[in-house]
Amino acid sequence: MEADNAAQLRNLPQAAKRLGVSVKCLRSWVYRRTIPYVKIGRAVRISDETIEKISLRGTRPALAEASESNQEEGGK
């Protein structure tokens, strides 16, 4: 079970690559505590769950989907 948890943690370069941001940006988020992170000694790790939440938080619907849902609701 411990191996499963360790496999779900990424170092900052790995997490930054998956998110498409720089390591510097990710370090800034960690420093400002904008995102949750795990400290193991001096090492900082980001969980796969956190990476997924960040990706979903930044996802926006396509304009076509947004206008279709507005029309169904009687909006403009």
N, C-alpha and C. Protein backbone atom coordinates (compact mmCIF):
# COMPACT_ATOMS: atom_id res chain seq x y z
N MET A 1 0.83 -1.19 0.00
CA MET A 1 0.00 0.00 0.00
C MET A 1 0.87 1.25 0.00
N GLU A 2 1.98 1.24 0.70
CA GLU A 2 2.88 2.39 0.71
C GLU A 2 3.46 2.64 -0.67
N ALA A 3 3.72 1.58 -1.42
CA ALA A 3 4.26 1.74 -2.77
C ALA A 3 3.25 2.46 -3.67
N ASP A 4 1.94 2.19 -3.46
CA ASP A 4 0.91 2.87 -4.24
C ASP A 4 0.93 4.37 -3.99
N ASN A 5 1.06 4.76 -2.72
CA ASN A 5 1.10 6.18 -2.38
C ASN A 5 2.34 6.85 -2.96
N ALA A 6 3.49 6.17 -2.89
CA ALA A 6 4.73 6.74 -3.41
C ALA A 6 4.65 6.91 -4.92
N ALA A 7 3.98 5.99 -5.61
CA ALA A 7 3.86 6.07 -7.06
C ALA A 7 2.96 7.23 -7.48
N GLN A 8 2.13 7.72 -6.57
CA GLN A 8 1.21 8.80 -6.90
C GLN A 8 1.81 10.18 -6.64
N LEU A 9 3.02 10.24 -6.12
CA LEU A 9 3.67 11.52 -5.85
C LEU A 9 4.70 11.84 -6.92
N ARG A 10 4.70 13.08 -7.39
CA ARG A 10 5.63 13.50 -8.44
C ARG A 10 6.54 14.59 -7.89
N ASN A 11 7.80 14.60 -8.35
CA ASN A 11 8.67 15.71 -7.98
C ASN A 11 8.25 16.93 -8.81
N LEU A 12 8.83 18.08 -8.52
CA LEU A 12 8.38 19.31 -9.19
C LEU A 12 8.61 19.30 -10.70
N PRO A 13 9.77 18.85 -11.19
CA PRO A 13 9.91 18.81 -12.66
C PRO A 13 8.89 17.90 -13.35
N GLN A 14 8.58 16.75 -12.74
CA GLN A 14 7.59 15.84 -13.32
C GLN A 14 6.20 16.48 -13.30
N ALA A 15 5.83 17.08 -12.17
CA ALA A 15 4.52 17.71 -12.05
C ALA A 15 4.39 18.89 -13.01
N ALA A 16 5.46 19.69 -13.11
CA ALA A 16 5.43 20.84 -14.02
C ALA A 16 5.25 20.40 -15.46
N LYS A 17 5.92 19.34 -15.84
CA LYS A 17 5.80 18.83 -17.22
C LYS A 17 4.37 18.36 -17.49
N ARG A 18 3.77 17.66 -16.54
CA ARG A 18 2.39 17.17 -16.73
C ARG A 18 1.40 18.32 -16.81
N LEU A 19 1.67 19.41 -16.07
CA LEU A 19 0.76 20.55 -16.07
C LEU A 19 1.04 21.54 -17.20
N GLY A 20 2.22 21.43 -17.81
CA GLY A 20 2.57 22.35 -18.88
C GLY A 20 2.98 23.72 -18.37
N VAL A 21 3.55 23.76 -17.17
CA VAL A 21 4.04 25.01 -16.60
C VAL A 21 5.52 24.83 -16.26
N SER A 22 6.19 25.92 -15.95
CA SER A 22 7.60 25.83 -15.58
C SER A 22 7.74 25.38 -14.13
N VAL A 23 8.91 24.86 -13.80
CA VAL A 23 9.20 24.47 -12.43
C VAL A 23 9.16 25.71 -11.54
N LYS A 24 9.63 26.83 -12.07
CA LYS A 24 9.62 28.09 -11.31
C LYS A 24 8.19 28.48 -10.93
N CYS A 25 7.26 28.33 -11.86
CA CYS A 25 5.85 28.62 -11.60
C CYS A 25 5.31 27.71 -10.50
N LEU A 26 5.61 26.42 -10.61
CA LEU A 26 5.14 25.45 -9.62
C LEU A 26 5.74 25.75 -8.25
N ARG A 27 7.03 26.11 -8.20
CA ARG A 27 7.66 26.48 -6.92
C ARG A 27 6.97 27.70 -6.32
N SER A 28 6.58 28.64 -7.16
CA SER A 28 5.87 29.83 -6.70
C SER A 28 4.53 29.44 -6.07
N TRP A 29 3.80 28.55 -6.72
CA TRP A 29 2.53 28.09 -6.19
C TRP A 29 2.72 27.40 -4.83
N VAL A 30 3.78 26.60 -4.72
CA VAL A 30 4.07 25.91 -3.47
C VAL A 30 4.43 26.93 -2.39
N TYR A 31 5.30 27.87 -2.72
CA TYR A 31 5.74 28.89 -1.77
C TYR A 31 4.56 29.71 -1.23
N ARG A 32 3.64 30.07 -2.14
CA ARG A 32 2.46 30.86 -1.75
C ARG A 32 1.34 29.98 -1.19
N ARG A 33 1.56 28.67 -1.18
CA ARG A 33 0.57 27.69 -0.72
C ARG A 33 -0.73 27.78 -1.51
N THR A 34 -0.58 28.01 -2.80
CA THR A 34 -1.73 28.05 -3.70
C THR A 34 -2.24 26.65 -3.98
N ILE A 35 -1.35 25.68 -3.93
CA ILE A 35 -1.71 24.28 -4.19
C ILE A 35 -1.25 23.42 -3.02
N PRO A 36 -1.93 22.30 -2.78
CA PRO A 36 -1.47 21.39 -1.74
C PRO A 36 -0.22 20.64 -2.21
N TYR A 37 0.66 20.34 -1.28
CA TYR A 37 1.88 19.61 -1.60
C TYR A 37 2.29 18.77 -0.40
N VAL A 38 3.21 17.85 -0.64
CA VAL A 38 3.71 16.95 0.40
C VAL A 38 5.20 17.22 0.58
N LYS A 39 5.62 17.39 1.82
CA LYS A 39 7.05 17.54 2.12
C LYS A 39 7.55 16.23 2.71
N ILE A 40 8.61 15.73 2.12
CA ILE A 40 9.28 14.53 2.64
C ILE A 40 10.71 14.98 2.92
N GLY A 41 10.98 15.32 4.17
CA GLY A 41 12.26 15.94 4.48
C GLY A 41 12.30 17.30 3.80
N ARG A 42 13.32 17.50 2.97
CA ARG A 42 13.42 18.75 2.20
C ARG A 42 12.76 18.65 0.83
N ALA A 43 12.40 17.45 0.44
CA ALA A 43 11.82 17.23 -0.88
C ALA A 43 10.35 17.63 -0.91
N VAL A 44 9.94 18.27 -1.99
CA VAL A 44 8.55 18.66 -2.20
C VAL A 44 7.97 17.76 -3.28
N ARG A 45 6.79 17.22 -3.02
CA ARG A 45 6.12 16.34 -3.98
C ARG A 45 4.69 16.82 -4.19
N ILE A 46 4.19 16.59 -5.40
CA ILE A 46 2.82 16.94 -5.76
C ILE A 46 2.10 15.64 -6.11
N SER A 47 0.93 15.43 -5.55
CA SER A 47 0.20 14.19 -5.81
C SER A 47 -0.47 14.24 -7.18
N ASP A 48 -0.68 13.06 -7.75
CA ASP A 48 -1.40 12.97 -9.02
C ASP A 48 -2.81 13.54 -8.88
N GLU A 49 -3.41 13.36 -7.71
CA GLU A 49 -4.75 13.89 -7.45
C GLU A 49 -4.75 15.42 -7.55
N THR A 50 -3.73 16.05 -6.98
CA THR A 50 -3.63 17.51 -7.05
C THR A 50 -3.43 17.97 -8.48
N ILE A 51 -2.58 17.27 -9.23
CA ILE A 51 -2.34 17.61 -10.63
C ILE A 51 -3.65 17.52 -11.42
N GLU A 52 -4.43 16.49 -11.16
CA GLU A 52 -5.71 16.32 -11.85
C GLU A 52 -6.68 17.45 -11.49
N LYS A 53 -6.73 17.82 -10.22
CA LYS A 53 -7.63 18.91 -9.79
C LYS A 53 -7.24 20.23 -10.44
N ILE A 54 -5.94 20.49 -10.54
CA ILE A 54 -5.48 21.72 -11.18
C ILE A 54 -5.90 21.74 -12.65
N SER A 55 -5.76 20.60 -13.31
CA SER A 55 -6.15 20.50 -14.71
C SER A 55 -7.65 20.73 -14.89
N LEU A 56 -8.45 20.13 -14.02
CA LEU A 56 -9.90 20.28 -14.13
C LEU A 56 -10.34 21.69 -13.78
N ARG A 57 -9.67 22.31 -12.82
CA ARG A 57 -10.02 23.68 -12.41
C ARG A 57 -9.80 24.66 -13.57
N GLY A 58 -8.82 24.37 -14.41
CA GLY A 58 -8.53 25.26 -15.53
C GLY A 58 -9.31 24.94 -16.79
N THR A 59 -10.11 23.88 -16.77
CA THR A 59 -10.86 23.48 -17.96
C THR A 59 -12.09 24.36 -18.13
N ARG A 60 -12.25 24.90 -19.32
CA ARG A 60 -13.40 25.74 -19.65
C ARG A 60 -14.19 25.07 -20.77
N PRO A 61 -15.52 25.17 -20.74
CA PRO A 61 -16.31 24.56 -21.81
C PRO A 61 -16.11 25.31 -23.12
N ALA A 62 -16.28 24.61 -24.22
CA ALA A 62 -16.21 25.24 -25.53
C ALA A 62 -17.38 26.22 -25.67
N LEU A 63 -17.20 27.26 -26.48
CA LEU A 63 -18.25 28.25 -26.65
C LEU A 63 -19.52 27.63 -27.21
N ALA A 64 -19.39 26.67 -28.11
CA ALA A 64 -20.56 26.03 -28.69
C ALA A 64 -21.36 25.32 -27.59
N GLU A 65 -20.68 24.65 -26.66
CA GLU A 65 -21.36 23.96 -25.58
C GLU A 65 -22.03 24.96 -24.65
N ALA A 66 -21.38 26.07 -24.38
CA ALA A 66 -21.93 27.09 -23.49
C ALA A 66 -23.18 27.72 -24.10
N SER A 67 -23.15 28.04 -25.42
CA SER A 67 -24.33 28.66 -26.01
C SER A 67 -25.47 27.67 -26.14
N GLU A 68 -25.20 26.41 -26.36
CA GLU A 68 -26.26 25.41 -26.43
C GLU A 68 -26.94 25.27 -25.08
N SER A 69 -26.17 25.26 -24.00
CA SER A 69 -26.78 25.12 -22.68
C SER A 69 -27.56 26.37 -22.31
N ASN A 70 -27.11 27.55 -22.75
CA ASN A 70 -27.85 28.79 -22.49
C ASN A 70 -29.18 28.79 -23.24
N GLN A 71 -29.18 28.29 -24.48
CA GLN A 71 -30.40 28.26 -25.26
C GLN A 71 -31.41 27.29 -24.65
N GLU A 72 -30.92 26.18 -24.13
CA GLU A 72 -31.81 25.20 -23.50
C GLU A 72 -32.45 25.78 -22.24
N GLU A 73 -31.71 26.64 -21.53
CA GLU A 73 -32.21 27.24 -20.31
C GLU A 73 -33.04 28.49 -20.58
N GLY A 74 -33.15 28.89 -21.83
CA GLY A 74 -33.92 30.08 -22.16
C GLY A 74 -33.11 31.36 -22.09
N GLY A 75 -31.79 31.21 -22.00
CA GLY A 75 -30.91 32.38 -21.95
C GLY A 75 -30.65 32.94 -23.33
N LYS A 76 -29.83 33.96 -23.39
CA LYS A 76 -29.53 34.62 -24.66
C LYS A 76 -28.53 33.84 -25.45
